[in-house]
Amino acid sequence: MSCAVTAIRRYPVKSMGGEPLERVTVDPRGLQGDRWYAVVDGEGRLASAKDSRRFRRRDEILDYTAATRDGQVLVTGPEGTWPVGDPALDAVLTGRTGSGVQVLPERDVPHQDGGAVSLVGTATLDWCAQRWGVDADPRRLRVNLVVATTEPFVEETWTGRALVVGVCTLRVVERIPRCRTIDVRQDGVEPRGRWLRPLGTERDACLAVYADVVSPGEVGVGDRLRVEDPASEGTLAG
């Protein structure tokens, strides 16, 4: 059975809302431009919806959306729109968060939480919606690729296997553990139904998968995805 990409989403600034794409270049780091920028405080911690050694919880950042226009990343929020690099943007975000922050490009510390590309299957989303009564909007997961599947959680069985999508090859590395971010208002979605609690009870709080990039290339909506079977190369899954 064939499997195809149904949606692509990129997040130019980590933790802000993202942008839908019809086609994107995938380089060794992931979707070109994905999470390239982040809101960084004076201690070098990244703004997020959670706290950790790397992140500082700053829910105010979720009110902003980042999109790429003519090669430039623009951030839009309640106060207006600014290009990344504009001191006025940093001033607005500093005022909202109550702490000195800047929108900075990735340097020594990767902005991604795990693998280069995140992916979820449509059958998984449908299963969650039916079983738990949540809206199961993939924007709540902040994934890069949504692929059409017929078996819930089949993408988890692809761990360690190569995925050929478009002219790009990925390798699934692990399931993605979830946090409170899945249940907060973000990226244009008002969450309907709590998702994290049932995930923790029935699915080890994991949903979707990370993949690393084996061979860069372009990926587009509608491109077929082929899962390489270790025993028989060329097998299609989905």
C-alpha atoms as a PDB file:
ATOM      1  CA  MET A   1       0.000   0.000   0.000  1.00  0.00           C
ATOM      2  CA  SER A   2       1.293   3.447  -0.872  1.00  0.00           C
ATOM      3  CA  CYS A   3       1.722   6.259   1.600  1.00  0.00           C
ATOM      4  CA  ALA A   4       1.916   9.967   0.820  1.00  0.00           C
ATOM      5  CA  VAL A   5       2.772  13.254   2.485  1.00  0.00           C
ATOM      6  CA  THR A   6      -0.434  15.176   3.244  1.00  0.00           C
ATOM      7  CA  ALA A   7       0.995  18.230   5.055  1.00  0.00           C
ATOM      8  CA  ILE A   8       4.318  19.978   5.664  1.00  0.00           C
ATOM      9  CA  ARG A   9       4.873  22.526   8.416  1.00  0.00           C
ATOM     10  CA  ARG A  10       7.934  24.552   9.296  1.00  0.00           C
ATOM     11  CA  TYR A  11       8.648  26.558  12.459  1.00  0.00           C
ATOM     12  CA  PRO A  12      11.206  29.287  11.634  1.00  0.00           C
ATOM     13  CA  VAL A  13      11.317  30.460  15.273  1.00  0.00           C
ATOM     14  CA  LYS A  14      11.246  27.786  17.944  1.00  0.00           C
ATOM     15  CA  SER A  15       8.072  27.754  20.084  1.00  0.00           C
ATOM     16  CA  MET A  16       6.271  30.279  17.862  1.00  0.00           C
ATOM     17  CA  GLY A  17       3.525  29.357  15.432  1.00  0.00           C
ATOM     18  CA  GLY A  18       4.647  27.936  12.115  1.00  0.00           C
ATOM     19  CA  GLU A  19       3.867  28.024   8.406  1.00  0.00           C
ATOM     20  CA  PRO A  20       2.341  25.470   6.000  1.00  0.00           C
ATOM     21  CA  LEU A  21       4.424  24.584   2.958  1.00  0.00           C
ATOM     22  CA  GLU A  22       3.704  22.819  -0.307  1.00  0.00           C
ATOM     23  CA  ARG A  23       7.356  21.978  -0.884  1.00  0.00           C
ATOM     24  CA  VAL A  24      10.574  22.279   1.091  1.00  0.00           C
ATOM     25  CA  THR A  25      14.260  21.450   0.871  1.00  0.00           C
ATOM     26  CA  VAL A  26      15.486  19.003   3.500  1.00  0.00           C
ATOM     27  CA  ASP A  27      19.161  19.360   4.396  1.00  0.00           C
ATOM     28  CA  PRO A  28      21.226  17.324   6.900  1.00  0.00           C
ATOM     29  CA  ARG A  29      19.867  19.457   9.755  1.00  0.00           C
ATOM     30  CA  GLY A  30      16.175  18.966   8.806  1.00  0.00           C
ATOM     31  CA  LEU A  31      13.662  21.136   6.944  1.00  0.00           C
ATOM     32  CA  GLN A  32      15.643  24.087   5.702  1.00  0.00           C
ATOM     33  CA  GLY A  33      15.024  26.963   8.100  1.00  0.00           C
ATOM     34  CA  ASP A  34      13.084  24.917  10.653  1.00  0.00           C
ATOM     35  CA  ARG A  35      13.722  26.095  14.238  1.00  0.00           C
ATOM     36  CA  TRP A  36      16.720  28.037  12.935  1.00  0.00           C
ATOM     37  CA  TYR A  37      15.859  30.912  15.246  1.00  0.00           C
ATOM     38  CA  ALA A  38      14.881  30.874  18.916  1.00  0.00           C
ATOM     39  CA  VAL A  39      14.043  33.425  21.587  1.00  0.00           C
ATOM     40  CA  VAL A  40      17.079  33.388  23.878  1.00  0.00           C
ATOM     41  CA  ASP A  41      17.528  35.022  27.295  1.00  0.00           C
ATOM     42  CA  GLY A  42      20.666  36.312  28.992  1.00  0.00           C
ATOM     43  CA  GLU A  43      21.439  32.866  30.406  1.00  0.00           C
ATOM     44  CA  GLY A  44      21.305  31.266  26.968  1.00  0.00           C
ATOM     45  CA  ARG A  45      18.061  29.406  27.675  1.00  0.00           C
ATOM     46  CA  LEU A  46      15.490  29.079  24.916  1.00  0.00           C
ATOM     47  CA  ALA A  47      11.915  30.286  25.324  1.00  0.00           C
ATOM     48  CA  SER A  48       9.484  27.379  25.387  1.00  0.00           C
ATOM     49  CA  ALA A  49       6.226  26.165  26.926  1.00  0.00           C
ATOM     50  CA  LYS A  50       8.208  24.043  29.382  1.00  0.00           C
ATOM     51  CA  ASP A  51      11.111  24.344  31.820  1.00  0.00           C
ATOM     52  CA  SER A  52      14.348  22.358  31.643  1.00  0.00           C
ATOM     53  CA  ARG A  53      18.086  22.962  31.652  1.00  0.00           C
ATOM     54  CA  ARG A  54      17.848  24.185  28.041  1.00  0.00           C
ATOM     55  CA  PHE A  55      14.431  25.835  28.137  1.00  0.00           C
ATOM     56  CA  ARG A  56      12.666  28.476  30.177  1.00  0.00           C
ATOM     57  CA  ARG A  57       8.904  28.502  30.204  1.00  0.00           C
ATOM     58  CA  ARG A  58       7.663  31.662  28.514  1.00  0.00           C
ATOM     59  CA  ASP A  59       4.093  31.053  27.359  1.00  0.00           C
ATOM     60  CA  GLU A  60       3.916  34.595  25.951  1.00  0.00           C
ATOM     61  CA  ILE A  61       5.990  33.428  22.967  1.00  0.00           C
ATOM     62  CA  LEU A  62       3.115  31.176  21.890  1.00  0.00           C
ATOM     63  CA  ASP A  63       1.161  34.301  20.905  1.00  0.00           C
ATOM     64  CA  TYR A  64       3.546  34.887  17.993  1.00  0.00           C
ATOM     65  CA  THR A  65       3.849  33.303  14.550  1.00  0.00           C
ATOM     66  CA  ALA A  66       6.882  33.151  12.269  1.00  0.00           C
ATOM     67  CA  ALA A  67       6.799  32.826   8.496  1.00  0.00           C
ATOM     68  CA  THR A  68       9.329  33.097   5.674  1.00  0.00           C
ATOM     69  CA  ARG A  69       8.727  35.691   2.984  1.00  0.00           C
ATOM     70  CA  ASP A  70      11.227  36.350   0.175  1.00  0.00           C
ATOM     71  CA  GLY A  71      14.001  34.738   2.172  1.00  0.00           C
ATOM     72  CA  GLN A  72      13.289  36.758   5.310  1.00  0.00           C
ATOM     73  CA  VAL A  73      11.641  35.507   8.509  1.00  0.00           C
ATOM     74  CA  LEU A  74       8.812  37.737   9.716  1.00  0.00           C
ATOM     75  CA  VAL A  75       7.322  37.493  13.197  1.00  0.00           C
ATOM     76  CA  THR A  76       3.696  38.512  13.748  1.00  0.00           C
ATOM     77  CA  GLY A  77       2.102  39.076  17.135  1.00  0.00           C
ATOM     78  CA  PRO A  78      -0.647  41.087  18.800  1.00  0.00           C
ATOM     79  CA  GLU A  79       1.437  44.252  18.450  1.00  0.00           C
ATOM     80  CA  GLY A  80       2.384  43.975  14.767  1.00  0.00           C
ATOM     81  CA  THR A  81       4.889  42.363  12.380  1.00  0.00           C
ATOM     82  CA  TRP A  82       8.688  42.678  12.330  1.00  0.00           C
ATOM     83  CA  PRO A  83      11.577  40.975  10.522  1.00  0.00           C
ATOM     84  CA  VAL A  84      13.882  38.876  12.636  1.00  0.00           C
ATOM     85  CA  GLY A  85      16.888  41.014  13.489  1.00  0.00           C
ATOM     86  CA  ASP A  86      14.835  44.162  14.046  1.00  0.00           C
ATOM     87  CA  PRO A  87      15.676  45.548  17.516  1.00  0.00           C
ATOM     88  CA  ALA A  88      11.998  46.530  17.842  1.00  0.00           C
ATOM     89  CA  LEU A  89      11.045  42.826  17.812  1.00  0.00           C
ATOM     90  CA  ASP A  90      13.465  42.024  20.621  1.00  0.00           C
ATOM     91  CA  ALA A  91      12.121  45.016  22.565  1.00  0.00           C
ATOM     92  CA  VAL A  92       8.526  43.847  22.204  1.00  0.00           C
ATOM     93  CA  LEU A  93       9.373  40.300  23.283  1.00  0.00           C
ATOM     94  CA  THR A  94      11.407  41.615  26.197  1.00  0.00           C
ATOM     95  CA  GLY A  95       8.412  43.639  27.307  1.00  0.00           C
ATOM     96  CA  ARG A  96       6.054  40.695  27.008  1.00  0.00           C
ATOM     97  CA  THR A  97       8.279  38.231  28.860  1.00  0.00           C
ATOM     98  CA  GLY A  98       9.610  40.649  31.467  1.00  0.00           C
ATOM     99  CA  SER A  99      13.154  39.541  30.731  1.00  0.00           C
ATOM    100  CA  GLY A 100      15.838  40.598  28.276  1.00  0.00           C
ATOM    101  CA  VAL A 101      15.516  38.296  25.241  1.00  0.00           C
ATOM    102  CA  GLN A 102      16.651  38.256  21.635  1.00  0.00           C
ATOM    103  CA  VAL A 103      15.657  36.264  18.559  1.00  0.00           C
ATOM    104  CA  LEU A 104      18.925  34.579  17.600  1.00  0.00           C
ATOM    105  CA  PRO A 105      20.046  32.003  15.022  1.00  0.00           C
ATOM    106  CA  GLU A 106      21.219  28.554  16.020  1.00  0.00           C
ATOM    107  CA  ARG A 107      24.836  28.428  17.108  1.00  0.00           C
ATOM    108  CA  ASP A 108      26.587  25.731  19.143  1.00  0.00           C
ATOM    109  CA  VAL A 109      23.450  24.250  20.731  1.00  0.00           C
ATOM    110  CA  PRO A 110      20.844  22.703  18.375  1.00  0.00           C
ATOM    111  CA  HIS A 111      17.362  24.154  18.619  1.00  0.00           C
ATOM    112  CA  GLN A 112      15.652  20.856  17.815  1.00  0.00           C
ATOM    113  CA  ASP A 113      14.569  18.719  20.740  1.00  0.00           C
ATOM    114  CA  GLY A 114      15.457  15.398  19.108  1.00  0.00           C
ATOM    115  CA  GLY A 115      15.752  14.182  15.526  1.00  0.00           C
ATOM    116  CA  ALA A 116      16.001  16.403  12.484  1.00  0.00           C
ATOM    117  CA  VAL A 117      12.470  15.798  11.168  1.00  0.00           C
ATOM    118  CA  SER A 118       9.268  14.926  13.047  1.00  0.00           C
ATOM    119  CA  LEU A 119       6.492  12.859  11.492  1.00  0.00           C
ATOM    120  CA  VAL A 120       3.045  11.490  12.378  1.00  0.00           C
ATOM    121  CA  GLY A 121       0.523   9.320  10.533  1.00  0.00           C
ATOM    122  CA  THR A 122      -3.101  10.288   9.849  1.00  0.00           C
ATOM    123  CA  ALA A 123      -4.392   6.979  11.230  1.00  0.00           C
ATOM    124  CA  THR A 124      -2.688   7.763  14.547  1.00  0.00           C
ATOM    125  CA  LEU A 125      -4.395  11.152  14.720  1.00  0.00           C
ATOM    126  CA  ASP A 126      -7.771   9.617  13.845  1.00  0.00           C
ATOM    127  CA  TRP A 127      -7.345   6.934  16.531  1.00  0.00           C
ATOM    128  CA  CYS A 128      -6.576   9.556  19.187  1.00  0.00           C
ATOM    129  CA  ALA A 129      -9.580  11.642  18.171  1.00  0.00           C
ATOM    130  CA  GLN A 130     -11.955   8.679  18.304  1.00  0.00           C
ATOM    131  CA  ARG A 131     -10.642   7.060  21.467  1.00  0.00           C
ATOM    132  CA  TRP A 132     -10.074  10.144  23.611  1.00  0.00           C
ATOM    133  CA  GLY A 133     -12.371  12.753  22.077  1.00  0.00           C
ATOM    134  CA  VAL A 134      -9.588  15.254  21.410  1.00  0.00           C
ATOM    135  CA  ASP A 135      -9.391  17.337  18.256  1.00  0.00           C
ATOM    136  CA  ALA A 136      -6.006  15.707  17.416  1.00  0.00           C
ATOM    137  CA  ASP A 137      -4.903  18.646  15.276  1.00  0.00           C
ATOM    138  CA  PRO A 138      -1.304  17.913  14.196  1.00  0.00           C
ATOM    139  CA  ARG A 139      -0.380  21.526  14.971  1.00  0.00           C
ATOM    140  CA  ARG A 140      -0.672  20.574  18.642  1.00  0.00           C
ATOM    141  CA  LEU A 141       2.252  18.194  18.030  1.00  0.00           C
ATOM    142  CA  ARG A 142       4.359  20.725  16.097  1.00  0.00           C
ATOM    143  CA  VAL A 143       5.391  18.018  13.626  1.00  0.00           C
ATOM    144  CA  ASN A 144       7.038  18.691  10.267  1.00  0.00           C
ATOM    145  CA  LEU A 145       5.367  15.989   8.174  1.00  0.00           C
ATOM    146  CA  VAL A 146       1.924  14.386   8.260  1.00  0.00           C
ATOM    147  CA  VAL A 147       1.635  11.230   6.156  1.00  0.00           C
ATOM    148  CA  ALA A 148      -1.440   9.279   5.109  1.00  0.00           C
ATOM    149  CA  THR A 149      -1.541   5.940   6.927  1.00  0.00           C
ATOM    150  CA  THR A 150      -4.176   3.253   7.506  1.00  0.00           C
ATOM    151  CA  GLU A 151      -2.829   1.674  10.717  1.00  0.00           C
ATOM    152  CA  PRO A 152      -2.621   3.674  13.967  1.00  0.00           C
ATOM    153  CA  PHE A 153       0.936   4.113  15.281  1.00  0.00           C
ATOM    154  CA  VAL A 154       2.454   2.266  12.328  1.00  0.00           C
ATOM    155  CA  GLU A 155       5.126   4.975  12.169  1.00  0.00           C
ATOM    156  CA  GLU A 156       6.485   3.705  15.494  1.00  0.00           C
ATOM    157  CA  THR A 157       7.281   0.366  13.828  1.00  0.00           C
ATOM    158  CA  TRP A 158       9.548   2.177  11.369  1.00  0.00           C
ATOM    159  CA  THR A 159      12.228   2.854  14.000  1.00  0.00           C
ATOM    160  CA  GLY A 160      15.639   2.051  12.543  1.00  0.00           C
ATOM    161  CA  ARG A 161      14.275   1.860   9.008  1.00  0.00           C
ATOM    162  CA  ALA A 162      14.822   4.140   6.050  1.00  0.00           C
ATOM    163  CA  LEU A 163      12.003   6.220   4.602  1.00  0.00           C
ATOM    164  CA  VAL A 164      12.287   7.373   1.015  1.00  0.00           C
ATOM    165  CA  VAL A 165      10.084  10.432   0.499  1.00  0.00           C
ATOM    166  CA  GLY A 166      10.389  12.502  -2.632  1.00  0.00           C
ATOM    167  CA  VAL A 167      14.098  12.462  -3.433  1.00  0.00           C
ATOM    168  CA  CYS A 168      15.019  12.529   0.259  1.00  0.00           C
ATOM    169  CA  THR A 169      15.860   9.599   2.545  1.00  0.00           C
ATOM    170  CA  LEU A 170      15.183   9.690   6.281  1.00  0.00           C
ATOM    171  CA  ARG A 171      15.805   7.180   9.055  1.00  0.00           C
ATOM    172  CA  VAL A 172      13.366   6.931  11.956  1.00  0.00           C
ATOM    173  CA  VAL A 173      15.251   7.058  15.250  1.00  0.00           C
ATOM    174  CA  GLU A 174      12.718   7.190  18.124  1.00  0.00           C
ATOM    175  CA  ARG A 175       9.245   7.980  19.405  1.00  0.00           C
ATOM    176  CA  ILE A 176       8.649  11.534  20.601  1.00  0.00           C
ATOM    177  CA  PRO A 177       7.909  12.059  24.311  1.00  0.00           C
ATOM    178  CA  ARG A 178       5.258  14.702  24.944  1.00  0.00           C
ATOM    179  CA  CYS A 179       4.924  17.492  27.540  1.00  0.00           C
ATOM    180  CA  ARG A 180       2.341  20.125  28.506  1.00  0.00           C
ATOM    181  CA  THR A 181       2.854  21.909  25.172  1.00  0.00           C
ATOM    182  CA  ILE A 182       0.425  19.496  23.541  1.00  0.00           C
ATOM    183  CA  ASP A 183      -2.425  20.891  25.656  1.00  0.00           C
ATOM    184  CA  VAL A 184      -1.804  24.650  25.429  1.00  0.00           C
ATOM    185  CA  ARG A 185      -3.140  27.195  22.947  1.00  0.00           C
ATOM    186  CA  GLN A 186      -0.595  27.511  20.151  1.00  0.00           C
ATOM    187  CA  ASP A 187      -0.055  27.847  16.417  1.00  0.00           C
ATOM    188  CA  GLY A 188      -3.630  28.967  15.783  1.00  0.00           C
ATOM    189  CA  VAL A 189      -5.173  26.024  17.649  1.00  0.00           C
ATOM    190  CA  GLU A 190      -7.473  26.257  20.667  1.00  0.00           C
ATOM    191  CA  PRO A 191      -7.083  22.721  22.079  1.00  0.00           C
ATOM    192  CA  ARG A 192     -10.311  20.803  22.555  1.00  0.00           C
ATOM    193  CA  GLY A 193      -9.789  17.981  25.020  1.00  0.00           C
ATOM    194  CA  ARG A 194      -6.749  17.118  27.122  1.00  0.00           C
ATOM    195  CA  TRP A 195      -4.322  14.920  25.213  1.00  0.00           C
ATOM    196  CA  LEU A 196      -1.337  14.484  27.534  1.00  0.00           C
ATOM    197  CA  ARG A 197      -3.055  12.547  30.334  1.00  0.00           C
ATOM    198  CA  PRO A 198      -4.440   9.699  28.167  1.00  0.00           C
ATOM    199  CA  LEU A 199      -1.150   9.596  26.265  1.00  0.00           C
ATOM    200  CA  GLY A 200       0.652   9.067  29.557  1.00  0.00           C
ATOM    201  CA  THR A 201      -1.759   6.349  30.636  1.00  0.00           C
ATOM    202  CA  GLU A 202      -1.920   4.368  27.390  1.00  0.00           C
ATOM    203  CA  ARG A 203       1.014   5.365  25.172  1.00  0.00           C
ATOM    204  CA  ASP A 204       3.949   6.140  27.504  1.00  0.00           C
ATOM    205  CA  ALA A 205       3.298   9.860  26.817  1.00  0.00           C
ATOM    206  CA  CYS A 206       4.765   9.376  23.316  1.00  0.00           C
ATOM    207  CA  LEU A 207       3.271  10.369  19.986  1.00  0.00           C
ATOM    208  CA  ALA A 208       4.829  10.739  16.504  1.00  0.00           C
ATOM    209  CA  VAL A 209       8.458   9.934  15.663  1.00  0.00           C
ATOM    210  CA  TYR A 210      11.767  11.648  14.992  1.00  0.00           C
ATOM    211  CA  ALA A 211      13.842  10.888  11.912  1.00  0.00           C
ATOM    212  CA  ASP A 212      17.373  11.830  10.925  1.00  0.00           C
ATOM    213  CA  VAL A 213      18.309  12.817   7.382  1.00  0.00           C
ATOM    214  CA  VAL A 214      20.272  10.206   5.424  1.00  0.00           C
ATOM    215  CA  SER A 215      20.106  11.855   1.994  1.00  0.00           C
ATOM    216  CA  PRO A 216      19.029  15.499   1.566  1.00  0.00           C
ATOM    217  CA  GLY A 217      16.568  16.577  -1.092  1.00  0.00           C
ATOM    218  CA  GLU A 218      13.175  18.144  -1.710  1.00  0.00           C
ATOM    219  CA  VAL A 219       9.908  16.938  -0.215  1.00  0.00           C
ATOM    220  CA  GLY A 220       6.458  18.054  -1.355  1.00  0.00           C
ATOM    221  CA  VAL A 221       2.838  17.508  -0.406  1.00  0.00           C
ATOM    222  CA  GLY A 222       1.623  14.512  -2.386  1.00  0.00           C
ATOM    223  CA  ASP A 223       5.040  12.852  -2.582  1.00  0.00           C
ATOM    224  CA  ARG A 224       4.953   9.122  -1.963  1.00  0.00           C
ATOM    225  CA  LEU A 225       6.714   7.717   1.062  1.00  0.00           C
ATOM    226  CA  ARG A 226       8.316   4.280   0.864  1.00  0.00           C
ATOM    227  CA  VAL A 227       9.456   2.389   3.950  1.00  0.00           C
ATOM    228  CA  GLU A 228      12.472   0.246   3.181  1.00  0.00           C
ATOM    229  CA  ASP A 229      11.880  -3.253   4.516  1.00  0.00           C
ATOM    230  CA  PRO A 230      15.068  -4.749   5.987  1.00  0.00           C
ATOM    231  CA  ALA A 231      14.169  -8.129   4.496  1.00  0.00           C
ATOM    232  CA  SER A 232      12.839  -6.895   1.183  1.00  0.00           C
ATOM    233  CA  GLU A 233      13.808  -3.461  -0.076  1.00  0.00           C
ATOM    234  CA  GLY A 234      11.132  -1.534  -1.893  1.00  0.00           C
ATOM    235  CA  THR A 235       8.206  -2.567   0.288  1.00  0.00           C
ATOM    236  CA  LEU A 236       5.603   0.154   0.621  1.00  0.00           C
ATOM    237  CA  ALA A 237       4.028   0.747   3.997  1.00  0.00           C
ATOM    238  CA  GLY A 238       1.289   3.002   5.238  1.00  0.00           C
END
